[in-house]
């Protein structure tokens, strides 16, 4: 469960030009953005799906996907959490359904402008 006034309460997502864009409003009102390409997003979703039984942590994503920049995998994971595609239990992320990749792509494309 997120802490009160956590980053999760201050983030929004959009899809722009085949990139998932995460915008976070800092406590001082300024913002920052990070992006995740559709290709990287798919790789993250497949990785989580392939490790469904054990779940994954952010660190495991970073280690297991050395070709995906850490910020991109973090954006993908944050979006998957927000959209209910993954469940978090004891800091490990598990697919919320047996169709994680399909669910992830539906959510991505539903956010396209």
PDB file of N, CA and C in Angstrom:
ATOM      1  N   UNK A   1       0.844  -1.174   0.000  1.00  0.00           N
ATOM      2  CA  UNK A   1       0.000   0.000   0.000  1.00  0.00           C
ATOM      3  C   UNK A   1       0.892   1.242   0.000  1.00  0.00           C
ATOM      4  N   UNK A   2       0.661   2.172  -0.934  1.00  0.00           N
ATOM      5  CA  UNK A   2       1.499   3.370  -0.988  1.00  0.00           C
ATOM      6  C   UNK A   2       1.347   4.232   0.255  1.00  0.00           C
ATOM      7  N   UNK A   3       2.448   4.880   0.609  1.00  0.00           N
ATOM      8  CA  UNK A   3       2.419   5.812   1.741  1.00  0.00           C
ATOM      9  C   UNK A   3       1.622   7.049   1.346  1.00  0.00           C
ATOM     10  N   UNK A   4       1.048   7.755   2.330  1.00  0.00           N
ATOM     11  CA  UNK A   4       0.354   9.010   2.011  1.00  0.00           C
ATOM     12  C   UNK A   4       1.313   9.973   1.317  1.00  0.00           C
ATOM     13  N   UNK A   5       0.811  10.673   0.317  1.00  0.00           N
ATOM     14  CA  UNK A   5       1.590  11.623  -0.469  1.00  0.00           C
ATOM     15  C   UNK A   5       2.817  10.961  -1.097  1.00  0.00           C
ATOM     16  N   UNK A   6       2.669   9.733  -1.523  1.00  0.00           N
ATOM     17  CA  UNK A   6       3.774   9.060  -2.189  1.00  0.00           C
ATOM     18  C   UNK A   6       3.839   9.506  -3.642  1.00  0.00           C
ATOM     19  N   UNK A   7       4.905   9.136  -4.298  1.00  0.00           N
ATOM     20  CA  UNK A   7       5.076   9.485  -5.703  1.00  0.00           C
ATOM     21  C   UNK A   7       3.920   8.932  -6.539  1.00  0.00           C
ATOM     22  N   UNK A   8       3.346   7.825  -6.110  1.00  0.00           N
ATOM     23  CA  UNK A   8       2.259   7.206  -6.855  1.00  0.00           C
ATOM     24  C   UNK A   8       1.001   8.074  -6.867  1.00  0.00           C
ATOM     25  N   UNK A   9       0.873   8.950  -5.879  1.00  0.00           N
ATOM     26  CA  UNK A   9      -0.260   9.879  -5.837  1.00  0.00           C
ATOM     27  C   UNK A   9      -0.036  11.091  -6.731  1.00  0.00           C
ATOM     28  N   UNK A  10       1.210  11.282  -7.168  1.00  0.00           N
ATOM     29  CA  UNK A  10       1.553  12.483  -7.914  1.00  0.00           C
ATOM     30  C   UNK A  10       2.031  12.182  -9.329  1.00  0.00           C
ATOM     31  N   UNK A  11       1.737  11.019  -9.853  1.00  0.00           N
ATOM     32  CA  UNK A  11       2.187  10.651 -11.191  1.00  0.00           C
ATOM     33  C   UNK A  11       1.011  10.500 -12.148  1.00  0.00           C
ATOM     34  N   UNK A  12       1.277  10.777 -13.410  1.00  0.00           N
ATOM     35  CA  UNK A  12       0.309  10.531 -14.475  1.00  0.00           C
ATOM     36  C   UNK A  12       1.059   9.893 -15.634  1.00  0.00           C
ATOM     37  N   UNK A  13       0.298   9.234 -16.492  1.00  0.00           N
ATOM     38  CA  UNK A  13       0.876   8.566 -17.654  1.00  0.00           C
ATOM     39  C   UNK A  13       0.158   8.995 -18.919  1.00  0.00           C
ATOM     40  N   UNK A  14       0.899   9.019 -20.003  1.00  0.00           N
ATOM     41  CA  UNK A  14       0.345   9.286 -21.337  1.00  0.00           C
ATOM     42  C   UNK A  14       1.201   8.514 -22.331  1.00  0.00           C
ATOM     43  N   UNK A  15       0.652   8.302 -23.502  1.00  0.00           N
ATOM     44  CA  UNK A  15       1.423   7.692 -24.585  1.00  0.00           C
ATOM     45  C   UNK A  15       1.590   8.750 -25.664  1.00  0.00           C
ATOM     46  N   UNK A  16       2.841   9.000 -26.013  1.00  0.00           N
ATOM     47  CA  UNK A  16       3.170   9.972 -27.049  1.00  0.00           C
ATOM     48  C   UNK A  16       4.179   9.341 -28.000  1.00  0.00           C
ATOM     49  N   UNK A  17       3.803   9.233 -29.259  1.00  0.00           N
ATOM     50  CA  UNK A  17       4.738   8.719 -30.255  1.00  0.00           C
ATOM     51  C   UNK A  17       5.345   7.376 -29.929  1.00  0.00           C
ATOM     52  N   UNK A  18       4.531   6.420 -29.535  1.00  0.00           N
ATOM     53  CA  UNK A  18       4.956   5.059 -29.203  1.00  0.00           C
ATOM     54  C   UNK A  18       5.888   4.999 -27.994  1.00  0.00           C
ATOM     55  N   UNK A  19       5.763   6.012 -27.120  1.00  0.00           N
ATOM     56  CA  UNK A  19       6.489   6.041 -25.854  1.00  0.00           C
ATOM     57  C   UNK A  19       5.501   6.281 -24.722  1.00  0.00           C
ATOM     58  N   UNK A  20       5.674   5.542 -23.654  1.00  0.00           N
ATOM     59  CA  UNK A  20       4.920   5.764 -22.438  1.00  0.00           C
ATOM     60  C   UNK A  20       5.632   6.880 -21.678  1.00  0.00           C
ATOM     61  N   UNK A  21       4.906   7.902 -21.305  1.00  0.00           N
ATOM     62  CA  UNK A  21       5.486   9.053 -20.616  1.00  0.00           C
ATOM     63  C   UNK A  21       4.919   9.117 -19.204  1.00  0.00           C
ATOM     64  N   UNK A  22       5.810   9.092 -18.232  1.00  0.00           N
ATOM     65  CA  UNK A  22       5.421   9.218 -16.825  1.00  0.00           C
ATOM     66  C   UNK A  22       5.797  10.627 -16.367  1.00  0.00           C
ATOM     67  N   UNK A  23       4.816  11.379 -15.914  1.00  0.00           N
ATOM     68  CA  UNK A  23       5.054  12.725 -15.399  1.00  0.00           C
ATOM     69  C   UNK A  23       4.779  12.703 -13.905  1.00  0.00           C
ATOM     70  N   UNK A  24       5.721  13.220 -13.145  1.00  0.00           N
ATOM     71  CA  UNK A  24       5.591  13.272 -11.692  1.00  0.00           C
ATOM     72  C   UNK A  24       5.648  14.731 -11.260  1.00  0.00           C
ATOM     73  N   UNK A  25       4.718  15.100 -10.390  1.00  0.00           N
ATOM     74  CA  UNK A  25       4.712  16.443  -9.814  1.00  0.00           C
ATOM     75  C   UNK A  25       5.422  16.359  -8.462  1.00  0.00           C
ATOM     76  N   UNK A  26       6.517  17.096  -8.355  1.00  0.00           N
ATOM     77  CA  UNK A  26       7.248  17.137  -7.080  1.00  0.00           C
ATOM     78  C   UNK A  26       6.437  17.914  -6.046  1.00  0.00           C
ATOM     79  N   UNK A  27       6.830  17.778  -4.808  1.00  0.00           N
ATOM     80  CA  UNK A  27       6.118  18.475  -3.724  1.00  0.00           C
ATOM     81  C   UNK A  27       6.176  19.985  -3.881  1.00  0.00           C
ATOM     82  N   UNK A  28       7.217  20.503  -4.540  1.00  0.00           N
ATOM     83  CA  UNK A  28       7.316  21.952  -4.740  1.00  0.00           C
ATOM     84  C   UNK A  28       6.539  22.435  -5.961  1.00  0.00           C
ATOM     85  N   UNK A  29       5.859  21.516  -6.654  1.00  0.00           N
ATOM     86  CA  UNK A  29       5.042  21.875  -7.807  1.00  0.00           C
ATOM     87  C   UNK A  29       5.730  21.723  -9.149  1.00  0.00           C
ATOM     88  N   UNK A  30       7.041  21.565  -9.160  1.00  0.00           N
ATOM     89  CA  UNK A  30       7.746  21.343 -10.423  1.00  0.00           C
ATOM     90  C   UNK A  30       7.497  19.901 -10.886  1.00  0.00           C
ATOM     91  N   UNK A  31       7.782  19.638 -12.143  1.00  0.00           N
ATOM     92  CA  UNK A  31       7.529  18.305 -12.691  1.00  0.00           C
ATOM     93  C   UNK A  31       8.772  17.749 -13.365  1.00  0.00           C
ATOM     94  N   UNK A  32       8.768  16.449 -13.524  1.00  0.00           N
ATOM     95  CA  UNK A  32       9.775  15.800 -14.354  1.00  0.00           C
ATOM     96  C   UNK A  32       9.110  14.664 -15.096  1.00  0.00           C
ATOM     97  N   UNK A  33       9.730  14.254 -16.195  1.00  0.00           N
ATOM     98  CA  UNK A  33       9.191  13.171 -17.016  1.00  0.00           C
ATOM     99  C   UNK A  33      10.271  12.150 -17.319  1.00  0.00           C
ATOM    100  N   UNK A  34       9.828  10.915 -17.432  1.00  0.00           N
ATOM    101  CA  UNK A  34      10.661   9.833 -17.942  1.00  0.00           C
ATOM    102  C   UNK A  34       9.839   9.103 -18.984  1.00  0.00           C
ATOM    103  N   UNK A  35      10.512   8.526 -19.958  1.00  0.00           N
ATOM    104  CA  UNK A  35       9.839   7.839 -21.055  1.00  0.00           C
ATOM    105  C   UNK A  35      10.268   6.383 -21.120  1.00  0.00           C
ATOM    106  N   UNK A  36       9.389   5.585 -21.722  1.00  0.00           N
ATOM    107  CA  UNK A  36       9.667   4.174 -21.971  1.00  0.00           C
ATOM    108  C   UNK A  36       9.143   3.850 -23.362  1.00  0.00           C
ATOM    109  N   UNK A  37      10.010   3.325 -24.205  1.00  0.00           N
ATOM    110  CA  UNK A  37       9.578   2.969 -25.560  1.00  0.00           C
ATOM    111  C   UNK A  37       8.642   1.765 -25.510  1.00  0.00           C
ATOM    112  N   UNK A  38       7.840   1.632 -26.540  1.00  0.00           N
ATOM    113  CA  UNK A  38       6.940   0.477 -26.625  1.00  0.00           C
ATOM    114  C   UNK A  38       7.740  -0.819 -26.632  1.00  0.00           C
ATOM    115  N   UNK A  39       8.867  -0.837 -27.338  1.00  0.00           N
ATOM    116  CA  UNK A  39       9.694  -2.051 -27.377  1.00  0.00           C
ATOM    117  C   UNK A  39      10.191  -2.437 -25.984  1.00  0.00           C
ATOM    118  N   UNK A  40      10.698  -1.456 -25.228  1.00  0.00           N
ATOM    119  CA  UNK A  40      11.173  -1.737 -23.873  1.00  0.00           C
ATOM    120  C   UNK A  40      10.016  -2.181 -22.977  1.00  0.00           C
ATOM    121  N   UNK A  41       8.868  -1.547 -23.130  1.00  0.00           N
ATOM    122  CA  UNK A  41       7.677  -1.896 -22.357  1.00  0.00           C
ATOM    123  C   UNK A  41       7.293  -3.357 -22.579  1.00  0.00           C
ATOM    124  N   UNK A  42       7.317  -3.794 -23.838  1.00  0.00           N
ATOM    125  CA  UNK A  42       6.995  -5.191 -24.156  1.00  0.00           C
ATOM    126  C   UNK A  42       7.994  -6.141 -23.509  1.00  0.00           C
ATOM    127  N   UNK A  43       9.278  -5.784 -23.558  1.00  0.00           N
ATOM    128  CA  UNK A  43      10.318  -6.634 -22.968  1.00  0.00           C
ATOM    129  C   UNK A  43      10.082  -6.786 -21.465  1.00  0.00           C
ATOM    130  N   UNK A  44       9.749  -5.695 -20.802  1.00  0.00           N
ATOM    131  CA  UNK A  44       9.479  -5.735 -19.360  1.00  0.00           C
ATOM    132  C   UNK A  44       8.267  -6.625 -19.077  1.00  0.00           C
ATOM    133  N   UNK A  45       7.203  -6.458 -19.827  1.00  0.00           N
ATOM    134  CA  UNK A  45       5.996  -7.272 -19.614  1.00  0.00           C
ATOM    135  C   UNK A  45       6.296  -8.759 -19.823  1.00  0.00           C
ATOM    136  N   UNK A  46       7.037  -9.080 -20.859  1.00  0.00           N
ATOM    137  CA  UNK A  46       7.399 -10.482 -21.105  1.00  0.00           C
ATOM    138  C   UNK A  46       8.269 -11.035 -19.973  1.00  0.00           C
ATOM    139  N   UNK A  47       9.213 -10.240 -19.489  1.00  0.00           N
ATOM    140  CA  UNK A  47      10.092 -10.688 -18.407  1.00  0.00           C
ATOM    141  C   UNK A  47       9.276 -11.002 -17.153  1.00  0.00           C
ATOM    142  N   UNK A  48       8.367 -10.116 -16.798  1.00  0.00           N
ATOM    143  CA  UNK A  48       7.527 -10.358 -15.617  1.00  0.00           C
ATOM    144  C   UNK A  48       6.680 -11.606 -15.825  1.00  0.00           C
ATOM    145  N   UNK A  49       6.131 -11.767 -17.015  1.00  0.00           N
ATOM    146  CA  UNK A  49       5.314 -12.935 -17.330  1.00  0.00           C
ATOM    147  C   UNK A  49       6.122 -14.226 -17.245  1.00  0.00           C
ATOM    148  N   UNK A  50       7.352 -14.181 -17.717  1.00  0.00           N
ATOM    149  CA  UNK A  50       8.212 -15.369 -17.697  1.00  0.00           C
ATOM    150  C   UNK A  50       8.626 -15.749 -16.275  1.00  0.00           C
ATOM    151  N   UNK A  51       8.569 -14.807 -15.352  1.00  0.00           N
ATOM    152  CA  UNK A  51       8.934 -15.067 -13.958  1.00  0.00           C
ATOM    153  C   UNK A  51       7.707 -14.989 -13.039  1.00  0.00           C
ATOM    154  N   UNK A  52       6.575 -15.384 -13.582  1.00  0.00           N
ATOM    155  CA  UNK A  52       5.294 -15.245 -12.870  1.00  0.00           C
ATOM    156  C   UNK A  52       5.269 -15.981 -11.539  1.00  0.00           C
ATOM    157  N   UNK A  53       5.834 -17.171 -11.479  1.00  0.00           N
ATOM    158  CA  UNK A  53       5.754 -17.956 -10.248  1.00  0.00           C
ATOM    159  C   UNK A  53       6.538 -17.334  -9.099  1.00  0.00           C
ATOM    160  N   UNK A  54       7.726 -16.832  -9.390  1.00  0.00           N
ATOM    161  CA  UNK A  54       8.578 -16.269  -8.343  1.00  0.00           C
ATOM    162  C   UNK A  54       8.369 -14.770  -8.160  1.00  0.00           C
ATOM    163  N   UNK A  55       7.776 -14.116  -9.161  1.00  0.00           N
ATOM    164  CA  UNK A  55       7.660 -12.666  -9.121  1.00  0.00           C
ATOM    165  C   UNK A  55       9.012 -12.018  -9.378  1.00  0.00           C
ATOM    166  N   UNK A  56       9.020 -10.713  -9.530  1.00  0.00           N
ATOM    167  CA  UNK A  56      10.273  -9.985  -9.770  1.00  0.00           C
ATOM    168  C   UNK A  56      10.309  -8.726  -8.909  1.00  0.00           C
ATOM    169  N   UNK A  57      11.510  -8.266  -8.652  1.00  0.00           N
ATOM    170  CA  UNK A  57      11.724  -6.981  -8.001  1.00  0.00           C
ATOM    171  C   UNK A  57      12.279  -6.020  -9.047  1.00  0.00           C
ATOM    172  N   UNK A  58      12.305  -4.761  -8.708  1.00  0.00           N
ATOM    173  CA  UNK A  58      12.879  -3.776  -9.628  1.00  0.00           C
ATOM    174  C   UNK A  58      14.337  -4.115  -9.909  1.00  0.00           C
ATOM    175  N   UNK A  59      15.079  -4.469  -8.894  1.00  0.00           N
ATOM    176  CA  UNK A  59      16.482  -4.836  -9.073  1.00  0.00           C
ATOM    177  C   UNK A  59      16.659  -6.011 -10.017  1.00  0.00           C
ATOM    178  N   UNK A  60      15.788  -6.991  -9.913  1.00  0.00           N
ATOM    179  CA  UNK A  60      15.855  -8.149 -10.808  1.00  0.00           C
ATOM    180  C   UNK A  60      15.537  -7.761 -12.241  1.00  0.00           C
ATOM    181  N   UNK A  61      14.615  -6.815 -12.412  1.00  0.00           N
ATOM    182  CA  UNK A  61      14.345  -6.307 -13.759  1.00  0.00           C
ATOM    183  C   UNK A  61      15.607  -5.675 -14.336  1.00  0.00           C
ATOM    184  N   UNK A  62      16.255  -4.841 -13.543  1.00  0.00           N
ATOM    185  CA  UNK A  62      17.452  -4.148 -14.018  1.00  0.00           C
ATOM    186  C   UNK A  62      18.561  -5.136 -14.354  1.00  0.00           C
ATOM    187  N   UNK A  63      18.736  -6.159 -13.513  1.00  0.00           N
ATOM    188  CA  UNK A  63      19.775  -7.165 -13.778  1.00  0.00           C
ATOM    189  C   UNK A  63      19.412  -8.063 -14.946  1.00  0.00           C
ATOM    190  N   UNK A  64      18.159  -8.456 -15.020  1.00  0.00           N
ATOM    191  CA  UNK A  64      17.727  -9.402 -16.041  1.00  0.00           C
ATOM    192  C   UNK A  64      17.535  -8.792 -17.414  1.00  0.00           C
ATOM    193  N   UNK A  65      17.438  -7.464 -17.466  1.00  0.00           N
ATOM    194  CA  UNK A  65      17.228  -6.773 -18.744  1.00  0.00           C
ATOM    195  C   UNK A  65      18.303  -5.699 -18.938  1.00  0.00           C
ATOM    196  N   UNK A  66      19.565  -6.116 -19.107  1.00  0.00           N
ATOM    197  CA  UNK A  66      20.650  -5.128 -19.196  1.00  0.00           C
ATOM    198  C   UNK A  66      20.551  -4.201 -20.404  1.00  0.00           C
ATOM    199  N   UNK A  67      19.808  -4.590 -21.428  1.00  0.00           N
ATOM    200  CA  UNK A  67      19.674  -3.745 -22.614  1.00  0.00           C
ATOM    201  C   UNK A  67      18.539  -2.731 -22.496  1.00  0.00           C
ATOM    202  N   UNK A  68      17.769  -2.808 -21.423  1.00  0.00           N
ATOM    203  CA  UNK A  68      16.684  -1.850 -21.188  1.00  0.00           C
ATOM    204  C   UNK A  68      17.158  -0.867 -20.118  1.00  0.00           C
ATOM    205  N   UNK A  69      17.214   0.424 -20.434  1.00  0.00           N
ATOM    206  CA  UNK A  69      17.628   1.391 -19.415  1.00  0.00           C
ATOM    207  C   UNK A  69      16.764   1.290 -18.157  1.00  0.00           C
ATOM    208  N   UNK A  70      17.399   1.461 -17.016  1.00  0.00           N
ATOM    209  CA  UNK A  70      16.696   1.326 -15.730  1.00  0.00           C
ATOM    210  C   UNK A  70      15.485   2.238 -15.642  1.00  0.00           C
ATOM    211  N   UNK A  71      15.607   3.471 -16.127  1.00  0.00           N
ATOM    212  CA  UNK A  71      14.467   4.385 -16.045  1.00  0.00           C
ATOM    213  C   UNK A  71      13.299   3.882 -16.870  1.00  0.00           C
ATOM    214  N   UNK A  72      13.583   3.263 -18.016  1.00  0.00           N
ATOM    215  CA  UNK A  72      12.490   2.755 -18.851  1.00  0.00           C
ATOM    216  C   UNK A  72      11.798   1.581 -18.179  1.00  0.00           C
ATOM    217  N   UNK A  73      12.561   0.681 -17.582  1.00  0.00           N
ATOM    218  CA  UNK A  73      11.907  -0.448 -16.907  1.00  0.00           C
ATOM    219  C   UNK A  73      11.132   0.040 -15.686  1.00  0.00           C
ATOM    220  N   UNK A  74      11.624   1.073 -15.005  1.00  0.00           N
ATOM    221  CA  UNK A  74      10.908   1.620 -13.852  1.00  0.00           C
ATOM    222  C   UNK A  74       9.593   2.264 -14.281  1.00  0.00           C
ATOM    223  N   UNK A  75       9.597   2.980 -15.407  1.00  0.00           N
ATOM    224  CA  UNK A  75       8.364   3.590 -15.923  1.00  0.00           C
ATOM    225  C   UNK A  75       7.369   2.495 -16.294  1.00  0.00           C
ATOM    226  N   UNK A  76       7.839   1.482 -16.995  1.00  0.00           N
ATOM    227  CA  UNK A  76       6.953   0.383 -17.393  1.00  0.00           C
ATOM    228  C   UNK A  76       6.333  -0.280 -16.165  1.00  0.00           C
ATOM    229  N   UNK A  77       7.151  -0.574 -15.170  1.00  0.00           N
ATOM    230  CA  UNK A  77       6.646  -1.237 -13.973  1.00  0.00           C
ATOM    231  C   UNK A  77       5.660  -0.355 -13.209  1.00  0.00           C
ATOM    232  N   UNK A  78       5.950   0.923 -13.094  1.00  0.00           N
ATOM    233  CA  UNK A  78       5.024   1.833 -12.399  1.00  0.00           C
ATOM    234  C   UNK A  78       3.669   1.865 -13.101  1.00  0.00           C
ATOM    235  N   UNK A  79       3.683   1.887 -14.430  1.00  0.00           N
ATOM    236  CA  UNK A  79       2.434   1.899 -15.186  1.00  0.00           C
ATOM    237  C   UNK A  79       1.681   0.585 -15.004  1.00  0.00           C
ATOM    238  N   UNK A  80       2.391  -0.535 -15.066  1.00  0.00           N
ATOM    239  CA  UNK A  80       1.747  -1.836 -14.883  1.00  0.00           C
ATOM    240  C   UNK A  80       1.122  -1.955 -13.491  1.00  0.00           C
ATOM    241  N   UNK A  81       1.781  -1.390 -12.496  1.00  0.00           N
ATOM    242  CA  UNK A  81       1.215  -1.379 -11.142  1.00  0.00           C
ATOM    243  C   UNK A  81      -0.052  -0.532 -11.104  1.00  0.00           C
ATOM    244  N   UNK A  82       0.053   0.684 -11.643  1.00  0.00           N
ATOM    245  CA  UNK A  82      -1.092   1.591 -11.587  1.00  0.00           C
ATOM    246  C   UNK A  82      -2.307   1.023 -12.309  1.00  0.00           C
ATOM    247  N   UNK A  83      -2.105   0.378 -13.419  1.00  0.00           N
ATOM    248  CA  UNK A  83      -3.204  -0.146 -14.221  1.00  0.00           C
ATOM    249  C   UNK A  83      -3.691  -1.511 -13.730  1.00  0.00           C
ATOM    250  N   UNK A  84      -3.105  -2.022 -12.669  1.00  0.00           N
ATOM    251  CA  UNK A  84      -3.566  -3.279 -12.087  1.00  0.00           C
ATOM    252  C   UNK A  84      -3.127  -4.513 -12.851  1.00  0.00           C
ATOM    253  N   UNK A  85      -2.128  -4.380 -13.688  1.00  0.00           N
ATOM    254  CA  UNK A  85      -1.628  -5.529 -14.456  1.00  0.00           C
ATOM    255  C   UNK A  85      -0.700  -6.407 -13.627  1.00  0.00           C
ATOM    256  N   UNK A  86      -0.102  -5.818 -12.591  1.00  0.00           N
ATOM    257  CA  UNK A  86       0.732  -6.599 -11.680  1.00  0.00           C
ATOM    258  C   UNK A  86       0.272  -6.346 -10.250  1.00  0.00           C
ATOM    259  N   UNK A  87       0.431  -7.364  -9.427  1.00  0.00           N
ATOM    260  CA  UNK A  87       0.156  -7.264  -7.997  1.00  0.00           C
ATOM    261  C   UNK A  87       1.490  -7.232  -7.273  1.00  0.00           C
ATOM    262  N   UNK A  88       1.576  -6.438  -6.227  1.00  0.00           N
ATOM    263  CA  UNK A  88       2.803  -6.351  -5.443  1.00  0.00           C
ATOM    264  C   UNK A  88       2.566  -7.020  -4.099  1.00  0.00           C
ATOM    265  N   UNK A  89       3.415  -8.008  -3.810  1.00  0.00           N
ATOM    266  CA  UNK A  89       3.366  -8.707  -2.529  1.00  0.00           C
ATOM    267  C   UNK A  89       4.795  -8.813  -2.007  1.00  0.00           C
ATOM    268  N   UNK A  90       5.027  -8.192  -0.844  1.00  0.00           N
ATOM    269  CA  UNK A  90       6.354  -8.221  -0.233  1.00  0.00           C
ATOM    270  C   UNK A  90       7.427  -7.736  -1.202  1.00  0.00           C
ATOM    271  N   UNK A  91       7.125  -6.641  -1.901  1.00  0.00           N
ATOM    272  CA  UNK A  91       8.033  -5.972  -2.838  1.00  0.00           C
ATOM    273  C   UNK A  91       8.314  -6.769  -4.112  1.00  0.00           C
ATOM    274  N   UNK A  92       7.596  -7.848  -4.304  1.00  0.00           N
ATOM    275  CA  UNK A  92       7.744  -8.635  -5.525  1.00  0.00           C
ATOM    276  C   UNK A  92       6.508  -8.414  -6.382  1.00  0.00           C
ATOM    277  N   UNK A  93       6.718  -8.311  -7.672  1.00  0.00           N
ATOM    278  CA  UNK A  93       5.630  -8.040  -8.608  1.00  0.00           C
ATOM    279  C   UNK A  93       5.253  -9.312  -9.351  1.00  0.00           C
ATOM    280  N   UNK A  94       3.969  -9.615  -9.321  1.00  0.00           N
ATOM    281  CA  UNK A  94       3.432 -10.816  -9.955  1.00  0.00           C
ATOM    282  C   UNK A  94       2.364 -10.406 -10.968  1.00  0.00           C
ATOM    283  N   UNK A  95       2.244 -11.134 -12.065  1.00  0.00           N
ATOM    284  CA  UNK A  95       1.148 -10.838 -13.000  1.00  0.00           C
ATOM    285  C   UNK A  95      -0.194 -10.960 -12.290  1.00  0.00           C
ATOM    286  N   UNK A  96      -1.094 -10.038 -12.583  1.00  0.00           N
ATOM    287  CA  UNK A  96      -2.423 -10.062 -11.975  1.00  0.00           C
ATOM    288  C   UNK A  96      -3.362 -11.010 -12.708  1.00  0.00           C
ATOM    289  N   UNK A  97      -2.946 -11.475 -13.884  1.00  0.00           N
ATOM    290  CA  UNK A  97      -3.765 -12.421 -14.653  1.00  0.00           C
ATOM    291  C   UNK A  97      -2.832 -13.357 -15.410  1.00  0.00           C
ATOM    292  N   UNK A  98      -3.423 -14.310 -16.080  1.00  0.00           N
ATOM    293  CA  UNK A  98      -2.621 -15.230 -16.897  1.00  0.00           C
ATOM    294  C   UNK A  98      -2.359 -14.652 -18.281  1.00  0.00           C
ATOM    295  N   UNK A  99      -2.795 -13.425 -18.505  1.00  0.00           N
ATOM    296  CA  UNK A  99      -2.619 -12.761 -19.803  1.00  0.00           C
ATOM    297  C   UNK A  99      -1.897 -11.429 -19.626  1.00  0.00           C
ATOM    298  N   UNK A 100      -0.805 -11.418 -18.871  1.00  0.00           N
ATOM    299  CA  UNK A 100      -0.135 -10.163 -18.540  1.00  0.00           C
ATOM    300  C   UNK A 100       0.281  -9.375 -19.776  1.00  0.00           C
ATOM    301  N   UNK A 101       0.920 -10.005 -20.725  1.00  0.00           N
ATOM    302  CA  UNK A 101       1.424  -9.282 -21.893  1.00  0.00           C
ATOM    303  C   UNK A 101       0.270  -8.648 -22.655  1.00  0.00           C
ATOM    304  N   UNK A 102      -0.796  -9.393 -22.847  1.00  0.00           N
ATOM    305  CA  UNK A 102      -1.964  -8.860 -23.554  1.00  0.00           C
ATOM    306  C   UNK A 102      -2.593  -7.711 -22.773  1.00  0.00           C
ATOM    307  N   UNK A 103      -2.729  -7.889 -21.454  1.00  0.00           N
ATOM    308  CA  UNK A 103      -3.288  -6.822 -20.616  1.00  0.00           C
ATOM    309  C   UNK A 103      -2.409  -5.571 -20.684  1.00  0.00           C
ATOM    310  N   UNK A 104      -1.103  -5.763 -20.627  1.00  0.00           N
ATOM    311  CA  UNK A 104      -0.171  -4.639 -20.678  1.00  0.00           C
ATOM    312  C   UNK A 104      -0.304  -3.875 -21.991  1.00  0.00           C
ATOM    313  N   UNK A 105      -0.418  -4.592 -23.097  1.00  0.00           N
ATOM    314  CA  UNK A 105      -0.537  -3.922 -24.399  1.00  0.00           C
ATOM    315  C   UNK A 105      -1.878  -3.212 -24.550  1.00  0.00           C
ATOM    316  N   UNK A 106      -2.921  -3.803 -24.020  1.00  0.00           N
ATOM    317  CA  UNK A 106      -4.226  -3.134 -24.054  1.00  0.00           C
ATOM    318  C   UNK A 106      -4.160  -1.808 -23.303  1.00  0.00           C
ATOM    319  N   UNK A 107      -3.561  -1.828 -22.123  1.00  0.00           N
ATOM    320  CA  UNK A 107      -3.455  -0.598 -21.329  1.00  0.00           C
ATOM    321  C   UNK A 107      -2.586   0.441 -22.027  1.00  0.00           C
ATOM    322  N   UNK A 108      -1.487   0.011 -22.631  1.00  0.00           N
ATOM    323  CA  UNK A 108      -0.621   0.939 -23.359  1.00  0.00           C
ATOM    324  C   UNK A 108      -1.400   1.626 -24.471  1.00  0.00           C
ATOM    325  N   UNK A 109      -2.040   0.828 -25.310  1.00  0.00           N
ATOM    326  CA  UNK A 109      -2.738   1.379 -26.453  1.00  0.00           C
ATOM    327  C   UNK A 109      -3.987   2.174 -26.063  1.00  0.00           C
ATOM    328  N   UNK A 110      -4.567   1.863 -24.928  1.00  0.00           N
ATOM    329  CA  UNK A 110      -5.716   2.646 -24.449  1.00  0.00           C
ATOM    330  C   UNK A 110      -5.301   4.067 -24.056  1.00  0.00           C
ATOM    331  N   UNK A 111      -4.024   4.268 -23.780  1.00  0.00           N
ATOM    332  CA  UNK A 111      -3.536   5.589 -23.390  1.00  0.00           C
ATOM    333  C   UNK A 111      -2.977   6.397 -24.574  1.00  0.00           C
ATOM    334  N   UNK A 112      -3.017   5.838 -25.766  1.00  0.00           N
ATOM    335  CA  UNK A 112      -2.495   6.574 -26.915  1.00  0.00           C
ATOM    336  C   UNK A 112      -3.354   7.799 -27.170  1.00  0.00           C
ATOM    337  N   UNK A 113      -2.690   8.881 -27.465  1.00  0.00           N
ATOM    338  CA  UNK A 113      -3.406  10.151 -27.707  1.00  0.00           C
ATOM    339  C   UNK A 113      -4.058  10.176 -29.064  1.00  0.00           C
TER     340      UNK A 113
END
